[in-house]
Amino acid sequence: MRHELAILLRGSPADLRKWINDPGASSLRLCLVTIILAFGIYGMTVGFWRDPKMGIYVGIKMPALIILTLACNGFLNGMLGLLLGSGLGFRQSIMAQLMSFTIAALVLGGLAPVTFFMSLNAPAPDAANATSAHSYFLVAHTVLIAVAGIIANLHLAKLLIAVTPDSRTAITTLLAWLGGNAFVGAQLSWIMRPFFGTPTIEVAFLRPKPFDGTFYEVFWDKLQAISGGGGFIVLMLIAIVLFLLHLPVIKLLSCGDSGKSGRQG
């Protein structure tokens, strides 16, 4: 098991291609077990600051969120992979994304001891500065999750470069998959909230009315509130930051054709 995970983390396109060309039951089981354990452990450190019970709740919900996102988007992403000419079938598309989520899980699972002690040493939820601590805690975890996602996307980009006919196909396939997963995952995370546990709200597995509202309308309202009506400008700034964070992925994809030409020569 350790050998297979090491291969996955190294991200060698040839090794990753072998994984998806023969997505057997053992590979699928390894990815699912890793996602459940690693995301579960990391999720426990996310909720632990608010309450140990909240830690257990988030430890259950975080891997469930990942698996539900993939389950909801599996057919769509497989179809997009075929339509965009990636050369990947349904099973291969699902396996490729499952591998990407597994890499993110391993990164966050490795950071779990750090985030556990971060929550252990943070001000208590009933302290005078608990609201500020909650905000910093939320931002810190958002950054860590974003970094893990970028690392996973880099590996996914390497795989797509290896299996697709050209970099244009790799880029469009990656964007289609990421866009669909982000859209569905954001709404699922809204339904399955809370994850971080607001100090002023009672600990619960789900909010009383989880299906009320959507992530997108609440996100827009928050942007408008904090920017004094300039939500569109803030949204553009967020898009620019996300673009800059993904520059390594974009650079890798843009160099894909030259790398293939070199190998063929």
C-alpha atoms as a PDB file:
ATOM      1  CA  MET A   1       0.000   0.000   0.000  1.00  0.00           C
ATOM      2  CA  ARG A   2       2.824   2.403   0.894  1.00  0.00           C
ATOM      3  CA  HIS A   3       4.505   1.681  -2.451  1.00  0.00           C
ATOM      4  CA  GLU A   4       1.335   2.479  -4.421  1.00  0.00           C
ATOM      5  CA  LEU A   5       0.796   5.736  -2.519  1.00  0.00           C
ATOM      6  CA  ALA A   6       4.431   6.720  -3.115  1.00  0.00           C
ATOM      7  CA  ILE A   7       3.933   6.175  -6.853  1.00  0.00           C
ATOM      8  CA  LEU A   8       0.805   8.319  -6.732  1.00  0.00           C
ATOM      9  CA  LEU A   9       2.566  11.163  -4.912  1.00  0.00           C
ATOM     10  CA  ARG A  10       5.587  11.104  -7.243  1.00  0.00           C
ATOM     11  CA  GLY A  11       3.172  11.779 -10.076  1.00  0.00           C
ATOM     12  CA  SER A  12       5.146  10.136 -12.861  1.00  0.00           C
ATOM     13  CA  PRO A  13       2.870  10.345 -15.943  1.00  0.00           C
ATOM     14  CA  ALA A  14       3.863   6.827 -17.035  1.00  0.00           C
ATOM     15  CA  ASP A  15       2.951   5.365 -13.623  1.00  0.00           C
ATOM     16  CA  LEU A  16      -0.293   7.330 -13.408  1.00  0.00           C
ATOM     17  CA  ARG A  17      -1.231   6.189 -16.889  1.00  0.00           C
ATOM     18  CA  LYS A  18      -0.835   2.557 -15.818  1.00  0.00           C
ATOM     19  CA  TRP A  19      -3.240   3.223 -12.937  1.00  0.00           C
ATOM     20  CA  ILE A  20      -6.043   4.534 -15.116  1.00  0.00           C
ATOM     21  CA  ASN A  21      -5.478   2.094 -18.004  1.00  0.00           C
ATOM     22  CA  ASP A  22      -6.269  -0.729 -15.609  1.00  0.00           C
ATOM     23  CA  PRO A  23      -8.531   0.747 -12.887  1.00  0.00           C
ATOM     24  CA  GLY A  24      -8.927  -2.451 -10.928  1.00  0.00           C
ATOM     25  CA  ALA A  25     -10.739  -3.035  -7.655  1.00  0.00           C
ATOM     26  CA  SER A  26      -7.535  -2.802  -5.608  1.00  0.00           C
ATOM     27  CA  SER A  27      -6.678   0.678  -6.959  1.00  0.00           C
ATOM     28  CA  LEU A  28     -10.231   1.868  -6.391  1.00  0.00           C
ATOM     29  CA  ARG A  29     -10.237   0.471  -2.846  1.00  0.00           C
ATOM     30  CA  LEU A  30      -6.867   2.064  -2.051  1.00  0.00           C
ATOM     31  CA  CYS A  31      -8.041   5.509  -3.205  1.00  0.00           C
ATOM     32  CA  LEU A  32     -11.349   5.319  -1.344  1.00  0.00           C
ATOM     33  CA  VAL A  33      -9.763   4.101   1.911  1.00  0.00           C
ATOM     34  CA  THR A  34      -7.105   6.828   1.709  1.00  0.00           C
ATOM     35  CA  ILE A  35      -9.726   9.537   1.072  1.00  0.00           C
ATOM     36  CA  ILE A  36     -11.900   8.364   3.977  1.00  0.00           C
ATOM     37  CA  LEU A  37      -9.005   8.081   6.448  1.00  0.00           C
ATOM     38  CA  ALA A  38      -6.928  11.116   5.447  1.00  0.00           C
ATOM     39  CA  PHE A  39      -9.795  13.539   4.899  1.00  0.00           C
ATOM     40  CA  GLY A  40     -11.467  12.149   8.008  1.00  0.00           C
ATOM     41  CA  ILE A  41      -8.410  12.774  10.205  1.00  0.00           C
ATOM     42  CA  TYR A  42      -7.901  16.236   8.757  1.00  0.00           C
ATOM     43  CA  GLY A  43     -11.611  17.007   9.157  1.00  0.00           C
ATOM     44  CA  MET A  44     -11.445  16.095  12.831  1.00  0.00           C
ATOM     45  CA  THR A  45      -8.750  18.743  13.346  1.00  0.00           C
ATOM     46  CA  VAL A  46     -10.942  21.308  11.563  1.00  0.00           C
ATOM     47  CA  GLY A  47     -13.916  20.825  13.877  1.00  0.00           C
ATOM     48  CA  PHE A  48     -11.977  20.007  17.050  1.00  0.00           C
ATOM     49  CA  TRP A  49     -11.378  23.679  17.904  1.00  0.00           C
ATOM     50  CA  ARG A  50     -15.108  24.310  18.303  1.00  0.00           C
ATOM     51  CA  ASP A  51     -15.836  21.078  20.180  1.00  0.00           C
ATOM     52  CA  PRO A  52     -14.526  17.464  20.141  1.00  0.00           C
ATOM     53  CA  LYS A  53     -17.998  16.364  19.049  1.00  0.00           C
ATOM     54  CA  MET A  54     -17.794  18.831  16.174  1.00  0.00           C
ATOM     55  CA  GLY A  55     -14.465  17.254  15.252  1.00  0.00           C
ATOM     56  CA  ILE A  56     -16.150  13.856  14.907  1.00  0.00           C
ATOM     57  CA  TYR A  57     -18.928  15.399  12.810  1.00  0.00           C
ATOM     58  CA  VAL A  58     -16.503  17.056  10.407  1.00  0.00           C
ATOM     59  CA  GLY A  59     -14.344  13.937  10.297  1.00  0.00           C
ATOM     60  CA  ILE A  60     -17.389  12.132   8.893  1.00  0.00           C
ATOM     61  CA  LYS A  61     -18.639  14.912   6.637  1.00  0.00           C
ATOM     62  CA  MET A  62     -15.418  15.904   4.891  1.00  0.00           C
ATOM     63  CA  PRO A  63     -14.698  12.545   3.176  1.00  0.00           C
ATOM     64  CA  ALA A  64     -18.447  12.189   2.543  1.00  0.00           C
ATOM     65  CA  LEU A  65     -18.393  15.549   0.746  1.00  0.00           C
ATOM     66  CA  ILE A  66     -15.557  14.404  -1.540  1.00  0.00           C
ATOM     67  CA  ILE A  67     -17.175  11.065  -2.375  1.00  0.00           C
ATOM     68  CA  LEU A  68     -20.600  12.647  -2.976  1.00  0.00           C
ATOM     69  CA  THR A  69     -19.067  15.275  -5.266  1.00  0.00           C
ATOM     70  CA  LEU A  70     -17.362  12.609  -7.333  1.00  0.00           C
ATOM     71  CA  ALA A  71     -20.487  10.431  -7.349  1.00  0.00           C
ATOM     72  CA  CYS A  72     -22.691  13.324  -8.531  1.00  0.00           C
ATOM     73  CA  ASN A  73     -20.221  14.398 -11.227  1.00  0.00           C
ATOM     74  CA  GLY A  74     -18.847  11.015 -12.263  1.00  0.00           C
ATOM     75  CA  PHE A  75     -21.164  10.455 -15.220  1.00  0.00           C
ATOM     76  CA  LEU A  76     -20.989  14.096 -16.379  1.00  0.00           C
ATOM     77  CA  ASN A  77     -17.188  14.252 -16.213  1.00  0.00           C
ATOM     78  CA  GLY A  78     -16.881  10.916 -17.981  1.00  0.00           C
ATOM     79  CA  MET A  79     -19.131  12.188 -20.761  1.00  0.00           C
ATOM     80  CA  LEU A  80     -17.148  15.443 -20.980  1.00  0.00           C
ATOM     81  CA  GLY A  81     -13.927  13.466 -21.226  1.00  0.00           C
ATOM     82  CA  LEU A  82     -15.318  11.603 -24.231  1.00  0.00           C
ATOM     83  CA  LEU A  83     -16.811  14.691 -25.894  1.00  0.00           C
ATOM     84  CA  LEU A  84     -13.614  16.723 -25.507  1.00  0.00           C
ATOM     85  CA  GLY A  85     -11.488  13.972 -27.049  1.00  0.00           C
ATOM     86  CA  SER A  86      -9.373  13.192 -24.005  1.00  0.00           C
ATOM     87  CA  GLY A  87      -9.180   9.510 -24.908  1.00  0.00           C
ATOM     88  CA  LEU A  88     -10.483   8.559 -21.452  1.00  0.00           C
ATOM     89  CA  GLY A  89     -13.567   6.428 -20.935  1.00  0.00           C
ATOM     90  CA  PHE A  90     -16.010   6.723 -18.057  1.00  0.00           C
ATOM     91  CA  ARG A  91     -14.106   4.434 -15.695  1.00  0.00           C
ATOM     92  CA  GLN A  92     -10.782   6.053 -16.561  1.00  0.00           C
ATOM     93  CA  SER A  93     -12.161   9.582 -16.053  1.00  0.00           C
ATOM     94  CA  ILE A  94     -13.565   8.679 -12.654  1.00  0.00           C
ATOM     95  CA  MET A  95     -10.316   6.957 -11.663  1.00  0.00           C
ATOM     96  CA  ALA A  96      -8.249   9.980 -12.756  1.00  0.00           C
ATOM     97  CA  GLN A  97     -10.290  12.312 -10.553  1.00  0.00           C
ATOM     98  CA  LEU A  98     -10.309   9.812  -7.699  1.00  0.00           C
ATOM     99  CA  MET A  99      -6.507   9.757  -7.867  1.00  0.00           C
ATOM    100  CA  SER A 100      -6.462  13.563  -7.769  1.00  0.00           C
ATOM    101  CA  PHE A 101      -8.669  13.632  -4.659  1.00  0.00           C
ATOM    102  CA  THR A 102      -6.445  10.960  -3.083  1.00  0.00           C
ATOM    103  CA  ILE A 103      -3.367  13.141  -3.553  1.00  0.00           C
ATOM    104  CA  ALA A 104      -5.143  16.099  -1.937  1.00  0.00           C
ATOM    105  CA  ALA A 105      -6.207  13.814   0.918  1.00  0.00           C
ATOM    106  CA  LEU A 106      -2.617  12.672   1.509  1.00  0.00           C
ATOM    107  CA  VAL A 107      -1.362  16.267   1.607  1.00  0.00           C
ATOM    108  CA  LEU A 108      -4.030  17.355   4.091  1.00  0.00           C
ATOM    109  CA  GLY A 109      -3.692  14.175   6.123  1.00  0.00           C
ATOM    110  CA  GLY A 110       0.024  14.876   6.443  1.00  0.00           C
ATOM    111  CA  LEU A 111      -0.787  18.361   7.726  1.00  0.00           C
ATOM    112  CA  ALA A 112      -3.311  17.063  10.284  1.00  0.00           C
ATOM    113  CA  PRO A 113      -0.834  17.005  13.243  1.00  0.00           C
ATOM    114  CA  VAL A 114       0.006  20.664  12.557  1.00  0.00           C
ATOM    115  CA  THR A 115      -3.639  21.745  12.321  1.00  0.00           C
ATOM    116  CA  PHE A 116      -4.485  19.708  15.434  1.00  0.00           C
ATOM    117  CA  PHE A 117      -1.946  21.586  17.553  1.00  0.00           C
ATOM    118  CA  MET A 118      -3.055  24.821  15.892  1.00  0.00           C
ATOM    119  CA  SER A 119      -6.600  24.211  17.115  1.00  0.00           C
ATOM    120  CA  LEU A 120      -5.353  23.006  20.493  1.00  0.00           C
ATOM    121  CA  ASN A 121      -3.440  26.257  21.077  1.00  0.00           C
ATOM    122  CA  ALA A 122      -6.058  28.621  19.649  1.00  0.00           C
ATOM    123  CA  PRO A 123      -8.243  30.728  21.990  1.00  0.00           C
ATOM    124  CA  ALA A 124     -11.185  28.794  23.395  1.00  0.00           C
ATOM    125  CA  PRO A 125     -14.550  29.142  21.588  1.00  0.00           C
ATOM    126  CA  ASP A 126     -15.959  31.028  24.587  1.00  0.00           C
ATOM    127  CA  ALA A 127     -13.005  33.439  24.841  1.00  0.00           C
ATOM    128  CA  ALA A 128     -13.422  37.164  24.225  1.00  0.00           C
ATOM    129  CA  ASN A 129     -11.478  36.974  20.950  1.00  0.00           C
ATOM    130  CA  ALA A 130     -13.120  33.746  19.762  1.00  0.00           C
ATOM    131  CA  THR A 131     -14.709  35.409  16.726  1.00  0.00           C
ATOM    132  CA  SER A 132     -11.338  36.655  15.488  1.00  0.00           C
ATOM    133  CA  ALA A 133      -9.770  33.256  16.173  1.00  0.00           C
ATOM    134  CA  HIS A 134     -12.551  31.606  14.162  1.00  0.00           C
ATOM    135  CA  SER A 135     -11.885  33.940  11.205  1.00  0.00           C
ATOM    136  CA  TYR A 136      -8.129  33.256  11.245  1.00  0.00           C
ATOM    137  CA  PHE A 137      -8.777  29.543  11.630  1.00  0.00           C
ATOM    138  CA  LEU A 138     -11.128  29.578   8.639  1.00  0.00           C
ATOM    139  CA  VAL A 139      -8.638  31.479   6.472  1.00  0.00           C
ATOM    140  CA  ALA A 140      -5.751  29.171   7.461  1.00  0.00           C
ATOM    141  CA  HIS A 141      -7.688  26.035   6.545  1.00  0.00           C
ATOM    142  CA  THR A 142      -8.933  27.597   3.313  1.00  0.00           C
ATOM    143  CA  VAL A 143      -5.327  28.286   2.296  1.00  0.00           C
ATOM    144  CA  LEU A 144      -4.216  24.750   3.212  1.00  0.00           C
ATOM    145  CA  ILE A 145      -7.088  23.175   1.284  1.00  0.00           C
ATOM    146  CA  ALA A 146      -6.311  25.423  -1.712  1.00  0.00           C
ATOM    147  CA  VAL A 147      -2.633  24.385  -1.650  1.00  0.00           C
ATOM    148  CA  ALA A 148      -3.577  20.697  -1.470  1.00  0.00           C
ATOM    149  CA  GLY A 149      -5.973  21.219  -4.377  1.00  0.00           C
ATOM    150  CA  ILE A 150      -3.297  22.886  -6.511  1.00  0.00           C
ATOM    151  CA  ILE A 151      -0.852  20.036  -5.860  1.00  0.00           C
ATOM    152  CA  ALA A 152      -3.550  17.534  -6.829  1.00  0.00           C
ATOM    153  CA  ASN A 153      -4.369  19.544  -9.977  1.00  0.00           C
ATOM    154  CA  LEU A 154      -0.696  19.524 -10.975  1.00  0.00           C
ATOM    155  CA  HIS A 155      -0.699  15.729 -10.865  1.00  0.00           C
ATOM    156  CA  LEU A 156      -3.991  15.605 -12.765  1.00  0.00           C
ATOM    157  CA  ALA A 157      -2.550  17.969 -15.390  1.00  0.00           C
ATOM    158  CA  LYS A 158       0.505  15.704 -15.808  1.00  0.00           C
ATOM    159  CA  LEU A 159      -1.801  12.750 -16.344  1.00  0.00           C
ATOM    160  CA  LEU A 160      -3.959  14.569 -18.889  1.00  0.00           C
ATOM    161  CA  ILE A 161      -0.881  15.712 -20.807  1.00  0.00           C
ATOM    162  CA  ALA A 162       0.261  12.084 -20.998  1.00  0.00           C
ATOM    163  CA  VAL A 163      -3.040  10.649 -22.244  1.00  0.00           C
ATOM    164  CA  THR A 164      -4.641  13.415 -24.341  1.00  0.00           C
ATOM    165  CA  PRO A 165      -3.734  14.147 -27.975  1.00  0.00           C
ATOM    166  CA  ASP A 166      -2.578  17.741 -27.307  1.00  0.00           C
ATOM    167  CA  SER A 167      -2.365  20.414 -24.610  1.00  0.00           C
ATOM    168  CA  ARG A 168      -5.553  22.134 -25.787  1.00  0.00           C
ATOM    169  CA  THR A 169      -7.545  18.989 -25.085  1.00  0.00           C
ATOM    170  CA  ALA A 170      -5.781  18.600 -21.729  1.00  0.00           C
ATOM    171  CA  ILE A 171      -6.643  22.204 -20.761  1.00  0.00           C
ATOM    172  CA  THR A 172     -10.307  21.999 -21.774  1.00  0.00           C
ATOM    173  CA  THR A 173     -10.754  18.633 -20.056  1.00  0.00           C
ATOM    174  CA  LEU A 174      -9.113  19.849 -16.846  1.00  0.00           C
ATOM    175  CA  LEU A 175     -11.176  23.062 -16.801  1.00  0.00           C
ATOM    176  CA  ALA A 176     -14.402  21.146 -17.452  1.00  0.00           C
ATOM    177  CA  TRP A 177     -13.707  18.689 -14.636  1.00  0.00           C
ATOM    178  CA  LEU A 178     -12.583  21.336 -12.143  1.00  0.00           C
ATOM    179  CA  GLY A 179     -15.500  23.607 -12.983  1.00  0.00           C
ATOM    180  CA  GLY A 180     -18.071  20.856 -12.514  1.00  0.00           C
ATOM    181  CA  ASN A 181     -16.508  19.592  -9.275  1.00  0.00           C
ATOM    182  CA  ALA A 182     -16.245  23.115  -7.855  1.00  0.00           C
ATOM    183  CA  PHE A 183     -19.846  23.956  -8.745  1.00  0.00           C
ATOM    184  CA  VAL A 184     -21.321  20.789  -7.254  1.00  0.00           C
ATOM    185  CA  GLY A 185     -18.880  20.629  -4.322  1.00  0.00           C
ATOM    186  CA  ALA A 186     -19.625  24.199  -3.241  1.00  0.00           C
ATOM    187  CA  GLN A 187     -23.370  23.553  -3.066  1.00  0.00           C
ATOM    188  CA  LEU A 188     -22.905  20.210  -1.301  1.00  0.00           C
ATOM    189  CA  SER A 189     -20.644  21.893   1.263  1.00  0.00           C
ATOM    190  CA  TRP A 190     -23.427  24.438   1.856  1.00  0.00           C
ATOM    191  CA  ILE A 191     -25.975  21.681   2.437  1.00  0.00           C
ATOM    192  CA  MET A 192     -23.611  19.762   4.734  1.00  0.00           C
ATOM    193  CA  ARG A 193     -22.536  22.793   6.777  1.00  0.00           C
ATOM    194  CA  PRO A 194     -21.204  23.513   9.394  1.00  0.00           C
ATOM    195  CA  PHE A 195     -17.554  22.515   8.998  1.00  0.00           C
ATOM    196  CA  PHE A 196     -15.667  25.142  10.999  1.00  0.00           C
ATOM    197  CA  GLY A 197     -18.241  25.706  13.741  1.00  0.00           C
ATOM    198  CA  THR A 198     -19.163  29.309  14.468  1.00  0.00           C
ATOM    199  CA  PRO A 199     -18.602  29.982  18.205  1.00  0.00           C
ATOM    200  CA  THR A 200     -22.009  31.668  18.611  1.00  0.00           C
ATOM    201  CA  ILE A 201     -23.977  28.791  17.055  1.00  0.00           C
ATOM    202  CA  GLU A 202     -24.765  25.532  18.836  1.00  0.00           C
ATOM    203  CA  VAL A 203     -22.815  22.454  17.724  1.00  0.00           C
ATOM    204  CA  ALA A 204     -24.847  20.290  15.331  1.00  0.00           C
ATOM    205  CA  PHE A 205     -24.226  17.784  12.559  1.00  0.00           C
ATOM    206  CA  LEU A 206     -26.302  19.858  10.110  1.00  0.00           C
ATOM    207  CA  ARG A 207     -28.027  23.220  10.219  1.00  0.00           C
ATOM    208  CA  PRO A 208     -31.784  23.090  11.038  1.00  0.00           C
ATOM    209  CA  LYS A 209     -32.750  23.825   7.402  1.00  0.00           C
ATOM    210  CA  PRO A 210     -29.779  22.627   5.322  1.00  0.00           C
ATOM    211  CA  PHE A 211     -31.507  23.039   1.954  1.00  0.00           C
ATOM    212  CA  ASP A 212     -32.509  26.663   2.491  1.00  0.00           C
ATOM    213  CA  GLY A 213     -30.659  28.996   0.136  1.00  0.00           C
ATOM    214  CA  THR A 214     -27.631  28.239  -2.008  1.00  0.00           C
ATOM    215  CA  PHE A 215     -23.912  28.695  -1.586  1.00  0.00           C
ATOM    216  CA  TYR A 216     -23.790  31.111  -4.485  1.00  0.00           C
ATOM    217  CA  GLU A 217     -26.421  33.579  -3.318  1.00  0.00           C
ATOM    218  CA  VAL A 218     -24.994  33.643   0.207  1.00  0.00           C
ATOM    219  CA  PHE A 219     -21.460  34.059  -1.171  1.00  0.00           C
ATOM    220  CA  TRP A 220     -22.608  36.958  -3.355  1.00  0.00           C
ATOM    221  CA  ASP A 221     -24.457  38.614  -0.448  1.00  0.00           C
ATOM    222  CA  LYS A 222     -21.302  38.336   1.694  1.00  0.00           C
ATOM    223  CA  LEU A 223     -19.190  39.872  -1.070  1.00  0.00           C
ATOM    224  CA  GLN A 224     -21.628  42.747  -1.419  1.00  0.00           C
ATOM    225  CA  ALA A 225     -21.703  43.291   2.342  1.00  0.00           C
ATOM    226  CA  ILE A 226     -17.942  43.349   2.918  1.00  0.00           C
ATOM    227  CA  SER A 227     -17.251  45.465  -0.181  1.00  0.00           C
ATOM    228  CA  GLY A 228     -20.025  48.007   0.298  1.00  0.00           C
ATOM    229  CA  GLY A 229     -21.728  47.067  -2.959  1.00  0.00           C
ATOM    230  CA  GLY A 230     -18.556  46.339  -4.922  1.00  0.00           C
ATOM    231  CA  GLY A 231     -19.033  42.581  -5.015  1.00  0.00           C
ATOM    232  CA  PHE A 232     -18.209  42.307  -8.706  1.00  0.00           C
ATOM    233  CA  ILE A 233     -14.800  43.931  -8.197  1.00  0.00           C
ATOM    234  CA  VAL A 234     -14.006  41.610  -5.286  1.00  0.00           C
ATOM    235  CA  LEU A 235     -15.129  38.638  -7.380  1.00  0.00           C
ATOM    236  CA  MET A 236     -12.727  39.668 -10.160  1.00  0.00           C
ATOM    237  CA  LEU A 237      -9.899  39.965  -7.628  1.00  0.00           C
ATOM    238  CA  ILE A 238     -10.642  36.468  -6.333  1.00  0.00           C
ATOM    239  CA  ALA A 239     -10.598  35.150  -9.908  1.00  0.00           C
ATOM    240  CA  ILE A 240      -7.204  36.795 -10.504  1.00  0.00           C
ATOM    241  CA  VAL A 241      -5.780  35.280  -7.308  1.00  0.00           C
ATOM    242  CA  LEU A 242      -7.053  31.823  -8.288  1.00  0.00           C
ATOM    243  CA  PHE A 243      -5.511  32.258 -11.728  1.00  0.00           C
ATOM    244  CA  LEU A 244      -2.153  33.232 -10.237  1.00  0.00           C
ATOM    245  CA  LEU A 245      -2.237  30.283  -7.838  1.00  0.00           C
ATOM    246  CA  HIS A 246      -2.794  27.935 -10.771  1.00  0.00           C
ATOM    247  CA  LEU A 247       0.006  29.376 -12.909  1.00  0.00           C
ATOM    248  CA  PRO A 248       2.171  26.242 -12.345  1.00  0.00           C
ATOM    249  CA  VAL A 249      -0.692  24.094 -13.679  1.00  0.00           C
ATOM    250  CA  ILE A 250      -1.221  26.406 -16.666  1.00  0.00           C
ATOM    251  CA  LYS A 251       2.512  26.471 -17.426  1.00  0.00           C
ATOM    252  CA  LEU A 252       2.682  22.683 -17.263  1.00  0.00           C
ATOM    253  CA  LEU A 253      -0.258  22.313 -19.634  1.00  0.00           C
ATOM    254  CA  SER A 254       1.066  24.905 -22.071  1.00  0.00           C
ATOM    255  CA  CYS A 255       4.380  23.010 -22.280  1.00  0.00           C
ATOM    256  CA  GLY A 256       2.655  19.698 -22.871  1.00  0.00           C
ATOM    257  CA  ASP A 257       2.814  19.681 -26.663  1.00  0.00           C
ATOM    258  CA  SER A 258       6.516  20.560 -26.780  1.00  0.00           C
ATOM    259  CA  GLY A 259       7.269  17.782 -24.299  1.00  0.00           C
ATOM    260  CA  LYS A 260       5.354  15.266 -26.394  1.00  0.00           C
ATOM    261  CA  SER A 261       7.095  16.417 -29.563  1.00  0.00           C
ATOM    262  CA  GLY A 262      10.470  15.980 -27.881  1.00  0.00           C
ATOM    263  CA  ARG A 263       9.635  12.445 -26.781  1.00  0.00           C
ATOM    264  CA  GLN A 264       8.354  11.508 -30.228  1.00  0.00           C
ATOM    265  CA  GLY A 265      11.491  12.966 -31.873  1.00  0.00           C
END
